[in-house]
Amino acid sequence: AYVATRVAGDRGQIAGAMGAVNTDAILSRLG
């Protein structure tokens, strides 16, 4: 997800403006 959105630029300019990512897996690490 980081590479897709921050490196490859597959996103808009504001939070959440991006394609599908594994939200459950990412948020589970927030604890």
PDB file of all heavy atoms in Angstrom:
ATOM      1  N   ALA A   1       0.832  -1.208   0.000  1.00  0.00           N
ATOM      2  CA  ALA A   1       0.000   0.000   0.000  1.00  0.00           C
ATOM      3  C   ALA A   1       0.860   1.249   0.000  1.00  0.00           C
ATOM      4  O   ALA A   1       0.540   2.247  -0.671  1.00  0.00           O
ATOM      5  CB  ALA A   1      -0.937  -0.004   1.209  1.00  0.00           C
ATOM      6  N   TYR A   2       1.963   1.230   0.759  1.00  0.00           N
ATOM      7  CA  TYR A   2       2.838   2.410   0.788  1.00  0.00           C
ATOM      8  C   TYR A   2       3.454   2.654  -0.582  1.00  0.00           C
ATOM      9  O   TYR A   2       3.477   3.798  -1.077  1.00  0.00           O
ATOM     10  CB  TYR A   2       3.938   2.232   1.834  1.00  0.00           C
ATOM     11  CG  TYR A   2       4.690   3.516   2.126  1.00  0.00           C
ATOM     12  CD1 TYR A   2       4.299   4.343   3.163  1.00  0.00           C
ATOM     13  CD2 TYR A   2       5.766   3.918   1.335  1.00  0.00           C
ATOM     14  CE1 TYR A   2       4.962   5.538   3.429  1.00  0.00           C
ATOM     15  CE2 TYR A   2       6.441   5.105   1.589  1.00  0.00           C
ATOM     16  CZ  TYR A   2       6.029   5.908   2.637  1.00  0.00           C
ATOM     17  OH  TYR A   2       6.683   7.101   2.874  1.00  0.00           O
ATOM     18  N   VAL A   3       3.957   1.622  -1.212  1.00  0.00           N
ATOM     19  CA  VAL A   3       4.564   1.785  -2.531  1.00  0.00           C
ATOM     20  C   VAL A   3       3.532   2.268  -3.545  1.00  0.00           C
ATOM     21  O   VAL A   3       3.796   3.175  -4.343  1.00  0.00           O
ATOM     22  CB  VAL A   3       5.212   0.465  -2.992  1.00  0.00           C
ATOM     23  CG1 VAL A   3       5.640   0.554  -4.453  1.00  0.00           C
ATOM     24  CG2 VAL A   3       6.413   0.134  -2.117  1.00  0.00           C
ATOM     25  N   ALA A   4       2.342   1.674  -3.503  1.00  0.00           N
ATOM     26  CA  ALA A   4       1.309   2.052  -4.467  1.00  0.00           C
ATOM     27  C   ALA A   4       0.927   3.517  -4.336  1.00  0.00           C
ATOM     28  O   ALA A   4       0.773   4.228  -5.339  1.00  0.00           O
ATOM     29  CB  ALA A   4       0.078   1.164  -4.292  1.00  0.00           C
ATOM     30  N   THR A   5       0.782   3.984  -3.101  1.00  0.00           N
ATOM     31  CA  THR A   5       0.239   5.325  -2.894  1.00  0.00           C
ATOM     32  C   THR A   5       1.311   6.406  -2.811  1.00  0.00           C
ATOM     33  O   THR A   5       1.142   7.499  -3.348  1.00  0.00           O
ATOM     34  CB  THR A   5      -0.603   5.347  -1.607  1.00  0.00           C
ATOM     35  OG1 THR A   5       0.186   4.893  -0.505  1.00  0.00           O
ATOM     36  CG2 THR A   5      -1.830   4.445  -1.757  1.00  0.00           C
ATOM     37  N   ARG A   6       2.413   6.129  -2.134  1.00  0.00           N
ATOM     38  CA  ARG A   6       3.438   7.155  -1.926  1.00  0.00           C
ATOM     39  C   ARG A   6       4.527   7.135  -3.001  1.00  0.00           C
ATOM     40  O   ARG A   6       5.070   8.188  -3.334  1.00  0.00           O
ATOM     41  CB  ARG A   6       4.111   6.972  -0.564  1.00  0.00           C
ATOM     42  CG  ARG A   6       3.394   7.649   0.599  1.00  0.00           C
ATOM     43  CD  ARG A   6       2.075   7.036   0.905  1.00  0.00           C
ATOM     44  NE  ARG A   6       1.480   7.579   2.128  1.00  0.00           N
ATOM     45  CZ  ARG A   6       0.237   7.368   2.472  1.00  0.00           C
ATOM     46  NH1 ARG A   6      -0.571   6.632   1.706  1.00  0.00           N
ATOM     47  NH2 ARG A   6      -0.252   7.889   3.582  1.00  0.00           N
ATOM     48  N   VAL A   7       4.851   5.969  -3.516  1.00  0.00           N
ATOM     49  CA  VAL A   7       5.951   5.847  -4.465  1.00  0.00           C
ATOM     50  C   VAL A   7       5.448   5.846  -5.897  1.00  0.00           C
ATOM     51  O   VAL A   7       5.912   6.615  -6.742  1.00  0.00           O
ATOM     52  CB  VAL A   7       6.774   4.580  -4.164  1.00  0.00           C
ATOM     53  CG1 VAL A   7       7.836   4.347  -5.237  1.00  0.00           C
ATOM     54  CG2 VAL A   7       7.422   4.688  -2.778  1.00  0.00           C
ATOM     55  N   ALA A   8       4.469   4.980  -6.176  1.00  0.00           N
ATOM     56  CA  ALA A   8       3.918   4.922  -7.534  1.00  0.00           C
ATOM     57  C   ALA A   8       2.911   6.033  -7.795  1.00  0.00           C
ATOM     58  O   ALA A   8       2.572   6.303  -8.952  1.00  0.00           O
ATOM     59  CB  ALA A   8       3.280   3.556  -7.773  1.00  0.00           C
ATOM     60  N   GLY A   9       2.426   6.649  -6.739  1.00  0.00           N
ATOM     61  CA  GLY A   9       1.535   7.804  -6.905  1.00  0.00           C
ATOM     62  C   GLY A   9       0.121   7.462  -7.313  1.00  0.00           C
ATOM     63  O   GLY A   9      -0.575   8.285  -7.916  1.00  0.00           O
ATOM     64  N   ASP A  10      -0.342   6.252  -6.968  1.00  0.00           N
ATOM     65  CA  ASP A  10      -1.693   5.826  -7.333  1.00  0.00           C
ATOM     66  C   ASP A  10      -2.676   6.318  -6.284  1.00  0.00           C
ATOM     67  O   ASP A  10      -3.244   5.550  -5.526  1.00  0.00           O
ATOM     68  CB  ASP A  10      -1.720   4.303  -7.463  1.00  0.00           C
ATOM     69  CG  ASP A  10      -3.075   3.788  -7.953  1.00  0.00           C
ATOM     70  OD1 ASP A  10      -3.836   4.598  -8.507  1.00  0.00           O
ATOM     71  OD2 ASP A  10      -3.341   2.578  -7.769  1.00  0.00           O
ATOM     72  N   ARG A  11      -2.856   7.636  -6.258  1.00  0.00           N
ATOM     73  CA  ARG A  11      -3.737   8.223  -5.247  1.00  0.00           C
ATOM     74  C   ARG A  11      -4.014   9.676  -5.581  1.00  0.00           C
ATOM     75  O   ARG A  11      -3.358  10.292  -6.441  1.00  0.00           O
ATOM     76  CB  ARG A  11      -3.088   8.150  -3.865  1.00  0.00           C
ATOM     77  CG  ARG A  11      -1.763   8.905  -3.763  1.00  0.00           C
ATOM     78  CD  ARG A  11      -1.327   9.108  -2.325  1.00  0.00           C
ATOM     79  NE  ARG A  11      -2.313   9.905  -1.594  1.00  0.00           N
ATOM     80  CZ  ARG A  11      -2.572   9.745  -0.310  1.00  0.00           C
ATOM     81  NH1 ARG A  11      -1.945   8.836   0.394  1.00  0.00           N
ATOM     82  NH2 ARG A  11      -3.478  10.504   0.293  1.00  0.00           N
ATOM     83  N   GLY A  12      -4.992  10.235  -4.877  1.00  0.00           N
ATOM     84  CA  GLY A  12      -5.258  11.663  -4.981  1.00  0.00           C
ATOM     85  C   GLY A  12      -4.400  12.431  -3.987  1.00  0.00           C
ATOM     86  O   GLY A  12      -3.380  11.943  -3.509  1.00  0.00           O
ATOM     87  N   GLN A  13      -4.849  13.622  -3.645  1.00  0.00           N
ATOM     88  CA  GLN A  13      -4.050  14.512  -2.810  1.00  0.00           C
ATOM     89  C   GLN A  13      -4.509  14.576  -1.362  1.00  0.00           C
ATOM     90  O   GLN A  13      -3.901  15.275  -0.553  1.00  0.00           O
ATOM     91  CB  GLN A  13      -4.073  15.926  -3.406  1.00  0.00           C
ATOM     92  CG  GLN A  13      -3.446  16.013  -4.794  1.00  0.00           C
ATOM     93  CD  GLN A  13      -1.977  15.651  -4.774  1.00  0.00           C
ATOM     94  OE1 GLN A  13      -1.211  16.161  -3.964  1.00  0.00           O
ATOM     95  NE2 GLN A  13      -1.569  14.759  -5.676  1.00  0.00           N
ATOM     96  N   ILE A  14      -5.581  13.874  -1.003  1.00  0.00           N
ATOM     97  CA  ILE A  14      -6.092  13.950   0.359  1.00  0.00           C
ATOM     98  C   ILE A  14      -6.224  12.552   0.944  1.00  0.00           C
ATOM     99  O   ILE A  14      -6.212  11.547   0.222  1.00  0.00           O
ATOM    100  CB  ILE A  14      -7.450  14.684   0.420  1.00  0.00           C
ATOM    101  CG1 ILE A  14      -8.480  14.013  -0.498  1.00  0.00           C
ATOM    102  CG2 ILE A  14      -7.288  16.151   0.053  1.00  0.00           C
ATOM    103  CD1 ILE A  14      -9.858  14.631  -0.417  1.00  0.00           C
ATOM    104  N   ALA A  15      -6.368  12.467   2.245  1.00  0.00           N
ATOM    105  CA  ALA A  15      -6.423  11.175   2.927  1.00  0.00           C
ATOM    106  C   ALA A  15      -7.593  10.343   2.430  1.00  0.00           C
ATOM    107  O   ALA A  15      -8.715  10.835   2.307  1.00  0.00           O
ATOM    108  CB  ALA A  15      -6.539  11.389   4.435  1.00  0.00           C
ATOM    109  N   GLY A  16      -7.341   9.089   2.157  1.00  0.00           N
ATOM    110  CA  GLY A  16      -8.382   8.173   1.715  1.00  0.00           C
ATOM    111  C   GLY A  16      -8.643   8.184   0.232  1.00  0.00           C
ATOM    112  O   GLY A  16      -9.407   7.353  -0.260  1.00  0.00           O
ATOM    113  N   ALA A  17      -8.026   9.117  -0.488  1.00  0.00           N
ATOM    114  CA  ALA A  17      -8.229   9.197  -1.943  1.00  0.00           C
ATOM    115  C   ALA A  17      -7.259   8.240  -2.623  1.00  0.00           C
ATOM    116  O   ALA A  17      -6.229   8.640  -3.175  1.00  0.00           O
ATOM    117  CB  ALA A  17      -8.013  10.630  -2.427  1.00  0.00           C
ATOM    118  N   MET A  18      -7.579   6.955  -2.539  1.00  0.00           N
ATOM    119  CA  MET A  18      -6.690   5.934  -3.086  1.00  0.00           C
ATOM    120  C   MET A  18      -7.491   4.695  -3.420  1.00  0.00           C
ATOM    121  O   MET A  18      -8.660   4.547  -3.026  1.00  0.00           O
ATOM    122  CB  MET A  18      -5.588   5.593  -2.079  1.00  0.00           C
ATOM    123  CG  MET A  18      -6.087   5.007  -0.773  1.00  0.00           C
ATOM    124  SD  MET A  18      -4.729   4.656   0.363  1.00  0.00           S
ATOM    125  CE  MET A  18      -5.609   3.765   1.655  1.00  0.00           C
ATOM    126  N   GLY A  19      -6.866   3.768  -4.141  1.00  0.00           N
ATOM    127  CA  GLY A  19      -7.522   2.529  -4.526  1.00  0.00           C
ATOM    128  C   GLY A  19      -7.593   1.548  -3.370  1.00  0.00           C
ATOM    129  O   GLY A  19      -7.269   1.858  -2.221  1.00  0.00           O
ATOM    130  N   ALA A  20      -8.000   0.331  -3.688  1.00  0.00           N
ATOM    131  CA  ALA A  20      -8.215  -0.685  -2.668  1.00  0.00           C
ATOM    132  C   ALA A  20      -6.905  -1.091  -1.999  1.00  0.00           C
ATOM    133  O   ALA A  20      -5.879  -1.284  -2.660  1.00  0.00           O
ATOM    134  CB  ALA A  20      -8.875  -1.908  -3.294  1.00  0.00           C
ATOM    135  N   VAL A  21      -6.924  -1.180  -0.681  1.00  0.00           N
ATOM    136  CA  VAL A  21      -5.823  -1.706   0.112  1.00  0.00           C
ATOM    137  C   VAL A  21      -6.419  -2.635   1.160  1.00  0.00           C
ATOM    138  O   VAL A  21      -7.633  -2.664   1.376  1.00  0.00           O
ATOM    139  CB  VAL A  21      -5.012  -0.580   0.801  1.00  0.00           C
ATOM    140  CG1 VAL A  21      -4.369   0.337  -0.218  1.00  0.00           C
ATOM    141  CG2 VAL A  21      -5.895   0.221   1.760  1.00  0.00           C
ATOM    142  N   ASN A  22      -5.587  -3.392   1.810  1.00  0.00           N
ATOM    143  CA  ASN A  22      -6.053  -4.311   2.851  1.00  0.00           C
ATOM    144  C   ASN A  22      -6.212  -3.532   4.151  1.00  0.00           C
ATOM    145  O   ASN A  22      -5.329  -3.522   5.004  1.00  0.00           O
ATOM    146  CB  ASN A  22      -5.064  -5.461   3.019  1.00  0.00           C
ATOM    147  CG  ASN A  22      -5.618  -6.580   3.900  1.00  0.00           C
ATOM    148  OD1 ASN A  22      -6.530  -6.364   4.694  1.00  0.00           O
ATOM    149  ND2 ASN A  22      -5.053  -7.762   3.762  1.00  0.00           N
ATOM    150  N   THR A  23      -7.350  -2.878   4.289  1.00  0.00           N
ATOM    151  CA  THR A  23      -7.549  -1.981   5.437  1.00  0.00           C
ATOM    152  C   THR A  23      -7.517  -2.733   6.759  1.00  0.00           C
ATOM    153  O   THR A  23      -6.949  -2.242   7.742  1.00  0.00           O
ATOM    154  CB  THR A  23      -8.883  -1.222   5.313  1.00  0.00           C
ATOM    155  OG1 THR A  23      -9.948  -2.164   5.152  1.00  0.00           O
ATOM    156  CG2 THR A  23      -8.861  -0.276   4.126  1.00  0.00           C
ATOM    157  N   ASP A  24      -8.103  -3.927   6.815  1.00  0.00           N
ATOM    158  CA  ASP A  24      -8.123  -4.666   8.081  1.00  0.00           C
ATOM    159  C   ASP A  24      -6.709  -5.001   8.540  1.00  0.00           C
ATOM    160  O   ASP A  24      -6.379  -4.846   9.726  1.00  0.00           O
ATOM    161  CB  ASP A  24      -8.943  -5.952   7.926  1.00  0.00           C
ATOM    162  CG  ASP A  24     -10.436  -5.691   7.782  1.00  0.00           C
ATOM    163  OD1 ASP A  24     -10.870  -4.563   8.121  1.00  0.00           O
ATOM    164  OD2 ASP A  24     -11.157  -6.585   7.325  1.00  0.00           O
ATOM    165  N   ALA A  25      -5.876  -5.452   7.616  1.00  0.00           N
ATOM    166  CA  ALA A  25      -4.506  -5.824   7.983  1.00  0.00           C
ATOM    167  C   ALA A  25      -3.706  -4.610   8.415  1.00  0.00           C
ATOM    168  O   ALA A  25      -2.923  -4.665   9.371  1.00  0.00           O
ATOM    169  CB  ALA A  25      -3.829  -6.523   6.814  1.00  0.00           C
ATOM    170  N   ILE A  26      -3.881  -3.489   7.731  1.00  0.00           N
ATOM    171  CA  ILE A  26      -3.142  -2.272   8.078  1.00  0.00           C
ATOM    172  C   ILE A  26      -3.572  -1.754   9.441  1.00  0.00           C
ATOM    173  O   ILE A  26      -2.737  -1.439  10.297  1.00  0.00           O
ATOM    174  CB  ILE A  26      -3.343  -1.200   6.992  1.00  0.00           C
ATOM    175  CG1 ILE A  26      -2.695  -1.649   5.678  1.00  0.00           C
ATOM    176  CG2 ILE A  26      -2.765   0.140   7.444  1.00  0.00           C
ATOM    177  CD1 ILE A  26      -3.045  -0.774   4.497  1.00  0.00           C
ATOM    178  N   LEU A  27      -4.880  -1.679   9.680  1.00  0.00           N
ATOM    179  CA  LEU A  27      -5.369  -1.117  10.934  1.00  0.00           C
ATOM    180  C   LEU A  27      -5.123  -2.046  12.119  1.00  0.00           C
ATOM    181  O   LEU A  27      -5.017  -1.575  13.258  1.00  0.00           O
ATOM    182  CB  LEU A  27      -6.864  -0.793  10.814  1.00  0.00           C
ATOM    183  CG  LEU A  27      -7.201   0.352   9.860  1.00  0.00           C
ATOM    184  CD1 LEU A  27      -8.708   0.536   9.746  1.00  0.00           C
ATOM    185  CD2 LEU A  27      -6.545   1.648  10.325  1.00  0.00           C
ATOM    186  N   SER A  28      -5.004  -3.344  11.871  1.00  0.00           N
ATOM    187  CA  SER A  28      -4.744  -4.262  12.983  1.00  0.00           C
ATOM    188  C   SER A  28      -3.394  -3.969  13.629  1.00  0.00           C
ATOM    189  O   SER A  28      -3.188  -4.237  14.813  1.00  0.00           O
ATOM    190  CB  SER A  28      -4.780  -5.709  12.489  1.00  0.00           C
ATOM    191  OG  SER A  28      -3.670  -5.988  11.641  1.00  0.00           O
ATOM    192  N   ARG A  29      -2.461  -3.400  12.871  1.00  0.00           N
ATOM    193  CA  ARG A  29      -1.134  -3.106  13.408  1.00  0.00           C
ATOM    194  C   ARG A  29      -1.127  -1.851  14.276  1.00  0.00           C
ATOM    195  O   ARG A  29      -0.163  -1.605  15.009  1.00  0.00           O
ATOM    196  CB  ARG A  29      -0.131  -2.975  12.261  1.00  0.00           C
ATOM    197  CG  ARG A  29       0.090  -4.296  11.559  1.00  0.00           C
ATOM    198  CD  ARG A  29       0.989  -4.161  10.363  1.00  0.00           C
ATOM    199  NE  ARG A  29       2.329  -3.689  10.681  1.00  0.00           N
ATOM    200  CZ  ARG A  29       3.294  -4.423  11.235  1.00  0.00           C
ATOM    201  NH1 ARG A  29       3.062  -5.685  11.566  1.00  0.00           N
ATOM    202  NH2 ARG A  29       4.492  -3.913  11.457  1.00  0.00           N
ATOM    203  N   LEU A  30      -2.194  -1.083  14.195  1.00  0.00           N
ATOM    204  CA  LEU A  30      -2.295   0.103  15.040  1.00  0.00           C
ATOM    205  C   LEU A  30      -2.490  -0.284  16.494  1.00  0.00           C
ATOM    206  O   LEU A  30      -2.122   0.464  17.411  1.00  0.00           O
ATOM    207  CB  LEU A  30      -3.439   0.985  14.549  1.00  0.00           C
ATOM    208  CG  LEU A  30      -3.583   2.377  15.144  1.00  0.00           C
ATOM    209  CD1 LEU A  30      -2.328   3.195  14.926  1.00  0.00           C
ATOM    210  CD2 LEU A  30      -4.789   3.077  14.521  1.00  0.00           C
ATOM    211  N   GLY A  31      -3.098  -1.449  16.717  1.00  0.00           N
ATOM    212  CA  GLY A  31      -3.240  -1.952  18.078  1.00  0.00           C
ATOM    213  C   GLY A  31      -4.222  -1.182  18.919  1.00  0.00           C
ATOM    214  O   GLY A  31      -4.155  -1.213  20.147  1.00  0.00           O
TER     215      GLY A  31
END
